[in-house]
N, C-alpha and C. Protein backbone atom coordinates (compact mmCIF):
# COMPACT_ATOMS: atom_id res chain seq x y z
N MET A 1 89.96 98.22 124.59
CA MET A 1 90.73 99.44 124.58
C MET A 1 91.64 99.45 123.35
N ALA A 2 91.62 100.55 122.64
CA ALA A 2 92.42 100.68 121.42
C ALA A 2 93.90 100.79 121.75
N LEU A 3 94.73 100.18 120.91
CA LEU A 3 96.18 100.28 121.07
C LEU A 3 96.74 101.47 120.32
N PHE A 4 95.95 102.02 119.40
CA PHE A 4 96.40 103.19 118.64
C PHE A 4 95.20 104.07 118.31
N ASP A 5 95.49 105.32 118.01
CA ASP A 5 94.49 106.25 117.48
C ASP A 5 94.90 106.53 116.05
N ALA A 6 93.93 106.53 115.13
CA ALA A 6 94.23 106.81 113.73
C ALA A 6 93.21 107.79 113.19
N PHE A 7 93.68 108.69 112.34
CA PHE A 7 92.85 109.75 111.79
C PHE A 7 93.12 109.91 110.30
N LEU A 8 92.08 110.27 109.56
CA LEU A 8 92.20 110.52 108.14
C LEU A 8 91.65 111.91 107.83
N LYS A 9 92.46 112.71 107.18
CA LYS A 9 92.05 114.05 106.75
C LYS A 9 91.99 114.03 105.23
N LEU A 10 90.79 114.27 104.69
CA LEU A 10 90.57 114.29 103.24
C LEU A 10 90.19 115.71 102.82
N ASP A 11 90.82 116.22 101.78
CA ASP A 11 90.46 117.54 101.27
C ASP A 11 88.98 117.56 100.89
N GLY A 12 88.24 118.51 101.45
CA GLY A 12 86.84 118.71 101.11
C GLY A 12 85.85 117.77 101.77
N ILE A 13 86.30 116.88 102.64
CA ILE A 13 85.40 115.94 103.31
C ILE A 13 85.69 115.97 104.81
N LYS A 14 84.69 116.36 105.59
CA LYS A 14 84.85 116.47 107.04
C LYS A 14 84.34 115.22 107.74
N GLY A 15 85.05 114.84 108.80
CA GLY A 15 84.63 113.76 109.67
C GLY A 15 84.12 114.34 110.98
N GLU A 16 84.02 113.50 112.00
CA GLU A 16 83.48 113.95 113.29
C GLU A 16 84.43 113.72 114.45
N SER A 17 85.72 113.61 114.19
CA SER A 17 86.66 113.41 115.29
C SER A 17 86.59 114.60 116.24
N ALA A 18 86.55 114.30 117.53
CA ALA A 18 86.54 115.34 118.56
C ALA A 18 87.93 115.53 119.16
N ASP A 19 88.93 114.79 118.66
CA ASP A 19 90.29 114.90 119.16
C ASP A 19 90.80 116.32 118.97
N ALA A 20 91.49 116.86 119.98
CA ALA A 20 91.97 118.24 119.95
C ALA A 20 92.87 118.52 118.74
N LYS A 21 93.77 117.59 118.40
CA LYS A 21 94.69 117.80 117.28
C LYS A 21 94.11 117.42 115.93
N HIS A 22 93.02 116.66 115.94
CA HIS A 22 92.46 116.15 114.69
C HIS A 22 90.97 116.42 114.57
N LYS A 23 90.52 117.51 115.15
CA LYS A 23 89.10 117.88 115.14
C LYS A 23 88.59 117.98 113.70
N GLY A 24 87.45 117.35 113.45
CA GLY A 24 86.84 117.39 112.13
C GLY A 24 87.42 116.41 111.13
N GLU A 25 88.38 115.60 111.57
CA GLU A 25 88.92 114.56 110.70
C GLU A 25 88.10 113.28 110.89
N ILE A 26 88.46 112.24 110.20
CA ILE A 26 87.74 110.97 110.26
C ILE A 26 88.48 110.02 111.20
N ASP A 27 87.78 109.51 112.22
CA ASP A 27 88.36 108.51 113.13
C ASP A 27 88.42 107.17 112.41
N ILE A 28 89.57 106.53 112.46
CA ILE A 28 89.79 105.26 111.76
C ILE A 28 89.91 104.13 112.78
N GLU A 29 89.21 103.01 112.53
CA GLU A 29 89.26 101.85 113.42
C GLU A 29 90.34 100.86 113.01
N SER A 30 90.49 100.63 111.71
CA SER A 30 91.52 99.72 111.22
C SER A 30 91.92 100.14 109.81
N PHE A 31 93.10 99.67 109.40
CA PHE A 31 93.58 100.03 108.08
C PHE A 31 94.56 98.97 107.58
N SER A 32 94.74 98.93 106.28
CA SER A 32 95.78 98.09 105.68
C SER A 32 96.10 98.65 104.30
N TRP A 33 97.29 98.38 103.87
CA TRP A 33 97.73 98.73 102.52
C TRP A 33 99.01 97.95 102.26
N GLY A 34 99.50 98.00 101.06
CA GLY A 34 100.74 97.29 100.79
C GLY A 34 101.18 97.49 99.36
N ALA A 35 102.27 96.84 99.04
CA ALA A 35 102.83 96.90 97.70
C ALA A 35 103.40 95.52 97.37
N ALA A 36 103.44 95.20 96.09
CA ALA A 36 104.00 93.92 95.64
C ALA A 36 104.92 94.19 94.46
N GLN A 37 106.07 93.55 94.48
CA GLN A 37 107.06 93.68 93.42
C GLN A 37 106.97 92.44 92.54
N THR A 38 106.89 92.64 91.25
CA THR A 38 106.73 91.52 90.32
C THR A 38 108.05 91.06 89.73
N GLY A 39 109.15 91.43 90.34
CA GLY A 39 110.47 91.04 89.85
C GLY A 39 110.64 89.54 89.80
N VAL A 40 111.56 89.09 88.95
CA VAL A 40 111.81 87.67 88.76
C VAL A 40 113.26 87.38 89.09
N SER A 41 113.49 86.42 89.99
CA SER A 41 114.85 86.03 90.36
C SER A 41 115.18 84.60 89.95
N ALA A 42 114.24 83.90 89.38
CA ALA A 42 114.43 82.47 89.10
C ALA A 42 115.15 82.18 87.79
N THR A 43 115.33 83.17 86.93
CA THR A 43 115.96 82.92 85.64
C THR A 43 117.13 83.86 85.40
N GLY A 44 118.02 83.45 84.55
CA GLY A 44 119.12 84.31 84.12
C GLY A 44 120.17 84.54 85.18
N GLY A 45 120.98 85.54 84.93
CA GLY A 45 122.13 85.83 85.79
C GLY A 45 121.86 86.86 86.85
N GLY A 46 120.66 87.04 87.27
CA GLY A 46 120.35 88.01 88.32
C GLY A 46 118.88 88.38 88.24
N GLY A 47 118.37 88.78 89.35
CA GLY A 47 116.96 89.13 89.41
C GLY A 47 116.71 90.51 88.83
N GLY A 48 115.64 90.62 88.10
CA GLY A 48 115.24 91.91 87.56
C GLY A 48 114.02 92.43 88.29
N ALA A 49 113.96 93.73 88.43
CA ALA A 49 112.81 94.34 89.09
C ALA A 49 111.71 94.60 88.08
N GLY A 50 110.50 94.34 88.47
CA GLY A 50 109.34 94.66 87.65
C GLY A 50 108.76 95.98 88.12
N LYS A 51 107.54 96.24 87.75
CA LYS A 51 106.87 97.46 88.19
C LYS A 51 106.10 97.15 89.46
N VAL A 52 106.28 97.97 90.47
CA VAL A 52 105.60 97.77 91.74
C VAL A 52 104.09 97.94 91.56
N LYS A 53 103.32 97.16 92.30
CA LYS A 53 101.86 97.26 92.32
C LYS A 53 101.46 97.66 93.73
N PHE A 54 100.95 98.87 93.90
CA PHE A 54 100.45 99.30 95.20
C PHE A 54 99.00 98.89 95.34
N HIS A 55 98.67 98.30 96.47
CA HIS A 55 97.30 97.93 96.78
C HIS A 55 96.58 99.16 97.31
N ASP A 56 95.28 99.24 97.06
CA ASP A 56 94.51 100.36 97.58
C ASP A 56 94.61 100.41 99.10
N PHE A 57 94.55 101.61 99.64
CA PHE A 57 94.58 101.86 101.07
C PHE A 57 93.20 101.51 101.61
N SER A 58 93.10 100.50 102.45
CA SER A 58 91.83 99.99 102.96
C SER A 58 91.59 100.48 104.38
N ILE A 59 90.38 100.97 104.64
CA ILE A 59 90.05 101.60 105.92
C ILE A 59 88.72 101.07 106.42
N THR A 60 88.60 100.89 107.74
CA THR A 60 87.33 100.62 108.40
C THR A 60 87.08 101.76 109.37
N LYS A 61 85.85 102.28 109.38
CA LYS A 61 85.47 103.41 110.22
C LYS A 61 84.00 103.30 110.58
N LYS A 62 83.57 104.09 111.54
CA LYS A 62 82.14 104.18 111.87
C LYS A 62 81.47 105.14 110.89
N THR A 63 80.19 104.95 110.65
CA THR A 63 79.42 105.88 109.83
C THR A 63 79.45 107.24 110.51
N ASP A 64 79.75 108.28 109.74
CA ASP A 64 79.81 109.64 110.29
C ASP A 64 79.47 110.65 109.20
N ALA A 65 79.75 111.92 109.46
CA ALA A 65 79.41 113.00 108.53
C ALA A 65 80.11 112.85 107.18
N SER A 66 81.20 112.12 107.13
CA SER A 66 81.93 111.94 105.87
C SER A 66 81.27 110.90 104.96
N SER A 67 80.41 110.06 105.51
CA SER A 67 79.87 108.91 104.79
C SER A 67 79.15 109.26 103.48
N PRO A 68 78.21 110.22 103.48
CA PRO A 68 77.54 110.52 102.22
C PRO A 68 78.49 110.99 101.11
N LEU A 69 79.47 111.81 101.47
CA LEU A 69 80.42 112.31 100.46
C LEU A 69 81.38 111.23 99.99
N LEU A 70 81.75 110.31 100.88
CA LEU A 70 82.59 109.19 100.47
C LEU A 70 81.86 108.30 99.46
N MET A 71 80.57 108.03 99.74
CA MET A 71 79.76 107.24 98.81
C MET A 71 79.65 107.98 97.48
N LEU A 72 79.38 109.30 97.52
CA LEU A 72 79.23 110.08 96.30
C LEU A 72 80.53 110.11 95.49
N ASN A 73 81.65 110.31 96.17
CA ASN A 73 82.93 110.32 95.46
C ASN A 73 83.23 108.97 94.81
N CYS A 74 82.83 107.89 95.46
CA CYS A 74 83.00 106.57 94.86
C CYS A 74 82.10 106.45 93.62
N ALA A 75 80.87 106.93 93.73
CA ALA A 75 79.92 106.82 92.62
C ALA A 75 80.32 107.66 91.41
N ASN A 76 80.77 108.90 91.65
CA ASN A 76 81.04 109.78 90.51
C ASN A 76 82.51 109.79 90.08
N GLY A 77 83.36 109.10 90.82
CA GLY A 77 84.77 109.01 90.44
C GLY A 77 85.56 110.29 90.63
N ALA A 78 85.02 111.21 91.43
CA ALA A 78 85.73 112.47 91.68
C ALA A 78 87.02 112.19 92.45
N HIS A 79 88.07 112.88 92.07
CA HIS A 79 89.35 112.72 92.75
C HIS A 79 89.49 113.72 93.88
N ILE A 80 90.12 113.29 94.95
CA ILE A 80 90.40 114.12 96.11
C ILE A 80 91.88 114.47 96.01
N LYS A 81 92.19 115.75 96.12
CA LYS A 81 93.57 116.21 95.92
C LYS A 81 94.55 115.51 96.85
N GLU A 82 94.18 115.41 98.14
CA GLU A 82 95.14 114.88 99.12
C GLU A 82 94.43 114.21 100.29
N ALA A 83 95.04 113.16 100.80
CA ALA A 83 94.59 112.47 102.01
C ALA A 83 95.79 112.36 102.95
N ASN A 84 95.59 112.71 104.21
CA ASN A 84 96.65 112.59 105.21
C ASN A 84 96.18 111.67 106.32
N PHE A 85 96.94 110.61 106.53
CA PHE A 85 96.62 109.57 107.50
C PHE A 85 97.66 109.64 108.62
N THR A 86 97.19 109.65 109.86
CA THR A 86 98.08 109.78 111.02
C THR A 86 97.75 108.70 112.05
N VAL A 87 98.79 108.07 112.62
CA VAL A 87 98.62 107.06 113.67
C VAL A 87 99.49 107.44 114.85
N ARG A 88 98.95 107.25 116.05
CA ARG A 88 99.70 107.48 117.29
C ARG A 88 99.29 106.43 118.30
N LYS A 89 100.13 106.25 119.33
CA LYS A 89 99.75 105.35 120.42
C LYS A 89 98.57 105.95 121.17
N ALA A 90 97.67 105.10 121.63
CA ALA A 90 96.54 105.57 122.43
C ALA A 90 97.03 105.86 123.84
N GLY A 91 96.56 106.94 124.43
CA GLY A 91 96.96 107.31 125.79
C GLY A 91 98.40 107.77 125.85
N GLY A 92 98.92 107.99 127.04
CA GLY A 92 100.33 108.37 127.23
C GLY A 92 100.71 109.64 126.51
N THR A 93 101.91 109.64 125.93
CA THR A 93 102.44 110.83 125.28
C THR A 93 101.84 111.08 123.90
N GLN A 94 101.24 110.10 123.30
CA GLN A 94 100.55 110.20 122.02
C GLN A 94 101.42 110.77 120.90
N LEU A 95 102.62 110.27 120.79
CA LEU A 95 103.51 110.66 119.70
C LEU A 95 102.94 110.15 118.38
N GLU A 96 102.80 111.04 117.41
CA GLU A 96 102.34 110.65 116.08
C GLU A 96 103.53 110.01 115.37
N TYR A 97 103.53 108.69 115.31
CA TYR A 97 104.69 107.97 114.81
C TYR A 97 104.58 107.51 113.36
N LEU A 98 103.38 107.51 112.81
CA LEU A 98 103.18 107.08 111.44
C LEU A 98 102.34 108.11 110.71
N LYS A 99 102.85 108.61 109.59
CA LYS A 99 102.10 109.56 108.76
C LYS A 99 102.22 109.12 107.31
N ILE A 100 101.08 109.09 106.64
CA ILE A 100 101.05 108.72 105.23
C ILE A 100 100.25 109.78 104.48
N LYS A 101 100.85 110.32 103.46
CA LYS A 101 100.19 111.31 102.61
C LYS A 101 99.94 110.66 101.25
N LEU A 102 98.68 110.67 100.82
CA LEU A 102 98.29 110.14 99.52
C LEU A 102 97.89 111.32 98.63
N THR A 103 98.27 111.28 97.37
CA THR A 103 97.95 112.35 96.43
C THR A 103 97.10 111.79 95.30
N ASP A 104 96.19 112.64 94.77
CA ASP A 104 95.31 112.27 93.67
C ASP A 104 94.53 111.00 94.03
N VAL A 105 93.66 111.15 95.03
CA VAL A 105 92.98 110.02 95.67
C VAL A 105 91.61 109.77 95.05
N LEU A 106 91.30 108.51 94.83
CA LEU A 106 90.00 108.08 94.34
C LEU A 106 89.40 107.10 95.35
N VAL A 107 88.15 107.33 95.75
CA VAL A 107 87.46 106.35 96.61
C VAL A 107 87.07 105.20 95.68
N SER A 108 87.84 104.11 95.74
CA SER A 108 87.67 103.00 94.80
C SER A 108 86.61 101.99 95.24
N SER A 109 86.25 101.99 96.52
CA SER A 109 85.12 101.17 96.99
C SER A 109 84.58 101.76 98.28
N TYR A 110 83.28 101.55 98.49
CA TYR A 110 82.60 102.04 99.69
C TYR A 110 81.56 101.00 100.07
N LYS A 111 81.63 100.49 101.31
CA LYS A 111 80.70 99.44 101.73
C LYS A 111 80.30 99.63 103.19
N PRO A 112 79.06 100.12 103.45
CA PRO A 112 78.58 100.20 104.83
C PRO A 112 78.11 98.82 105.30
N TRP A 113 78.22 98.58 106.59
CA TRP A 113 77.79 97.30 107.15
C TRP A 113 77.53 97.44 108.65
N ALA A 114 76.75 96.50 109.16
CA ALA A 114 76.46 96.43 110.59
C ALA A 114 76.44 94.97 110.98
N GLN A 115 76.67 94.70 112.25
CA GLN A 115 76.68 93.32 112.73
C GLN A 115 75.66 93.18 113.85
N ASP A 116 74.87 92.14 113.77
CA ASP A 116 73.89 91.84 114.81
C ASP A 116 74.64 91.24 115.99
N SER A 117 74.62 91.92 117.13
CA SER A 117 75.38 91.45 118.29
C SER A 117 74.84 90.14 118.86
N ALA A 118 73.57 89.84 118.61
CA ALA A 118 72.99 88.61 119.14
C ALA A 118 73.42 87.38 118.34
N THR A 119 73.52 87.54 117.02
CA THR A 119 73.84 86.38 116.19
C THR A 119 75.24 86.44 115.60
N GLY A 120 75.83 87.63 115.55
CA GLY A 120 77.14 87.78 114.94
C GLY A 120 77.10 87.83 113.43
N LEU A 121 75.88 87.82 112.85
CA LEU A 121 75.76 87.88 111.40
C LEU A 121 75.76 89.32 110.92
N ALA A 122 76.41 89.57 109.82
CA ALA A 122 76.40 90.90 109.23
C ALA A 122 75.03 91.17 108.65
N SER A 123 74.60 92.42 108.72
CA SER A 123 73.31 92.77 108.14
C SER A 123 73.35 92.47 106.65
N GLY A 124 72.20 92.14 106.11
CA GLY A 124 72.13 91.79 104.70
C GLY A 124 72.25 90.28 104.48
N LYS A 125 72.68 89.54 105.49
CA LYS A 125 72.82 88.09 105.36
C LYS A 125 71.46 87.41 105.50
N ARG A 126 70.55 88.02 106.26
CA ARG A 126 69.22 87.46 106.44
C ARG A 126 68.23 88.45 105.86
N GLN A 127 67.42 88.03 104.96
CA GLN A 127 66.47 88.95 104.34
C GLN A 127 65.30 89.24 105.26
N HIS A 128 64.83 90.47 105.23
CA HIS A 128 63.61 90.93 105.89
C HIS A 128 63.66 90.83 107.41
N GLU A 129 64.83 90.82 108.01
CA GLU A 129 64.95 90.82 109.46
C GLU A 129 65.70 92.06 109.90
N PRO A 130 65.17 92.78 110.89
CA PRO A 130 65.88 93.96 111.37
C PRO A 130 67.17 93.57 112.10
N VAL A 131 68.14 94.43 112.05
CA VAL A 131 69.40 94.19 112.74
C VAL A 131 69.33 94.86 114.10
N SER A 132 69.56 94.10 115.15
CA SER A 132 69.57 94.63 116.51
C SER A 132 71.02 94.86 116.92
N LEU A 133 71.40 96.11 117.09
CA LEU A 133 72.77 96.44 117.45
C LEU A 133 72.91 96.61 118.95
N SER A 134 74.01 96.12 119.51
CA SER A 134 74.29 96.35 120.92
C SER A 134 74.65 97.81 121.11
N THR A 135 74.68 98.28 122.35
CA THR A 135 75.04 99.66 122.63
C THR A 135 76.41 100.00 122.08
N ALA A 136 77.37 99.09 122.23
CA ALA A 136 78.74 99.34 121.75
C ALA A 136 78.79 99.42 120.23
N ASP A 137 77.91 98.70 119.56
CA ASP A 137 77.91 98.67 118.10
C ASP A 137 76.74 99.45 117.51
N ALA A 138 76.23 100.45 118.23
CA ALA A 138 75.04 101.16 117.81
C ALA A 138 75.22 101.94 116.52
N ILE A 139 76.45 102.20 116.12
CA ILE A 139 76.71 102.93 114.88
C ILE A 139 77.27 101.93 113.87
N PRO A 140 76.63 101.82 112.71
CA PRO A 140 77.15 100.91 111.69
C PRO A 140 78.57 101.30 111.26
N SER A 141 79.28 100.35 110.73
CA SER A 141 80.64 100.59 110.26
C SER A 141 80.66 100.68 108.74
N GLU A 142 81.81 101.07 108.22
CA GLU A 142 82.01 101.16 106.78
C GLU A 142 83.42 100.71 106.44
N SER A 143 83.53 100.08 105.31
CA SER A 143 84.84 99.74 104.76
C SER A 143 84.97 100.53 103.46
N LEU A 144 86.13 101.12 103.25
CA LEU A 144 86.36 101.82 102.01
C LEU A 144 87.80 101.65 101.59
N THR A 145 88.04 101.81 100.31
CA THR A 145 89.40 101.74 99.80
C THR A 145 89.70 103.01 99.03
N LEU A 146 90.96 103.42 99.13
CA LEU A 146 91.43 104.63 98.46
C LEU A 146 92.54 104.26 97.49
N ASN A 147 92.37 104.63 96.25
CA ASN A 147 93.38 104.46 95.23
C ASN A 147 94.12 105.79 95.12
N PHE A 148 95.38 105.78 94.75
CA PHE A 148 96.18 107.01 94.78
C PHE A 148 97.27 106.95 93.72
N SER A 149 97.81 108.13 93.38
CA SER A 149 98.88 108.17 92.38
C SER A 149 100.25 108.44 93.00
N LYS A 150 100.26 108.88 94.26
CA LYS A 150 101.54 109.12 94.94
C LYS A 150 101.36 108.85 96.43
N ILE A 151 102.40 108.27 97.04
CA ILE A 151 102.38 107.99 98.47
C ILE A 151 103.68 108.49 99.10
N GLU A 152 103.53 109.17 100.24
CA GLU A 152 104.68 109.60 101.02
C GLU A 152 104.51 109.04 102.42
N PHE A 153 105.51 108.32 102.90
CA PHE A 153 105.45 107.53 104.13
C PHE A 153 106.48 108.06 105.10
N SER A 154 106.05 108.31 106.34
CA SER A 154 106.96 108.83 107.37
C SER A 154 106.76 108.03 108.65
N TYR A 155 107.86 107.55 109.22
CA TYR A 155 107.82 106.82 110.49
C TYR A 155 108.79 107.49 111.46
N GLN A 156 108.29 107.80 112.65
CA GLN A 156 109.10 108.43 113.70
C GLN A 156 109.47 107.38 114.74
N PRO A 157 110.76 106.96 114.80
CA PRO A 157 111.16 106.02 115.86
C PRO A 157 110.95 106.65 117.24
N GLN A 158 110.65 105.79 118.22
CA GLN A 158 110.43 106.28 119.58
C GLN A 158 111.01 105.29 120.59
N GLY A 159 111.38 105.83 121.73
CA GLY A 159 111.93 105.02 122.80
C GLY A 159 110.83 104.41 123.65
N ALA A 160 111.21 103.61 124.64
CA ALA A 160 110.26 102.98 125.55
C ALA A 160 109.45 104.02 126.31
N ASP A 161 110.02 105.23 126.47
CA ASP A 161 109.32 106.30 127.17
C ASP A 161 108.32 107.03 126.28
N GLY A 162 108.22 106.63 125.01
CA GLY A 162 107.27 107.24 124.09
C GLY A 162 107.76 108.51 123.43
N LYS A 163 108.99 108.91 123.71
CA LYS A 163 109.55 110.13 123.13
C LYS A 163 110.25 109.81 121.81
N ALA A 164 110.22 110.78 120.90
CA ALA A 164 110.86 110.62 119.60
C ALA A 164 112.36 110.40 119.76
N GLN A 165 112.89 109.53 118.94
CA GLN A 165 114.34 109.28 118.90
C GLN A 165 114.83 109.62 117.50
N GLY A 166 115.55 110.73 117.41
CA GLY A 166 116.03 111.17 116.10
C GLY A 166 114.90 111.71 115.25
N GLY A 167 115.20 111.89 113.99
CA GLY A 167 114.19 112.40 113.06
C GLY A 167 113.42 111.28 112.40
N PRO A 168 112.37 111.64 111.67
CA PRO A 168 111.56 110.62 111.00
C PRO A 168 112.31 109.97 109.83
N ILE A 169 111.92 108.74 109.53
CA ILE A 169 112.42 108.01 108.37
C ILE A 169 111.39 108.21 107.27
N LEU A 170 111.84 108.69 106.11
CA LEU A 170 110.93 109.08 105.04
C LEU A 170 111.13 108.23 103.79
N ALA A 171 110.04 107.95 103.09
CA ALA A 171 110.10 107.27 101.79
C ALA A 171 108.84 107.66 101.02
N GLY A 172 108.92 107.59 99.72
CA GLY A 172 107.75 107.91 98.91
C GLY A 172 107.88 107.32 97.52
N TRP A 173 106.73 107.19 96.84
CA TRP A 173 106.73 106.64 95.49
C TRP A 173 105.65 107.33 94.66
N ASP A 174 106.02 107.73 93.45
CA ASP A 174 105.10 108.29 92.47
C ASP A 174 104.70 107.15 91.55
N LEU A 175 103.45 106.71 91.64
CA LEU A 175 103.00 105.56 90.86
C LEU A 175 102.93 105.86 89.37
N LYS A 176 102.54 107.09 89.00
CA LYS A 176 102.44 107.44 87.58
C LYS A 176 103.81 107.44 86.92
N ALA A 177 104.79 108.03 87.59
CA ALA A 177 106.15 108.11 87.04
C ALA A 177 106.96 106.85 87.32
N ASN A 178 106.44 105.98 88.20
CA ASN A 178 107.12 104.76 88.64
C ASN A 178 108.53 105.08 89.14
N GLN A 179 108.58 106.05 90.08
CA GLN A 179 109.88 106.43 90.63
C GLN A 179 109.75 106.95 92.05
N LYS A 180 110.88 106.94 92.74
CA LYS A 180 110.98 107.43 94.11
C LYS A 180 110.64 108.92 94.16
N VAL A 181 109.96 109.31 95.23
CA VAL A 181 109.63 110.73 95.44
C VAL A 181 110.75 111.35 96.24
């Protein structure tokens, strides 16, 4: 059972989510992203900040209607104007507590894969053998990464009852200008 529901809305690319609030978006199974600061604190009279390095937004999803266009965008380097990523708790009140907006998005990698439920080996590891998928894994998965020039991050605090507490906490960064949004 999933602990969260996550959705990705990409300009010009439709997914197959059947969720009432996110119909036609892309259902996301897992994600990661991050940033690293190259500042130095070991020398001189105080630490200096370097330029932040944002890691590409990494996503795992099932193969769906978005797959051919994601592969094509990776191949031709076409930029997507905007990507909106939303996370909420699964079940219950389903408060959308995490929202990330990416601007000027590039599909920087695209990798479809499947796992053989009998052996646990990923397809492609054994040559000339068909992959037998279990019913639960009948749809192959995909990993992709999104590169971006601007990120806007919003987190909505919530109480034990799942209701919003106060307003969202907002932050953003323009990578091209190397400054706060």
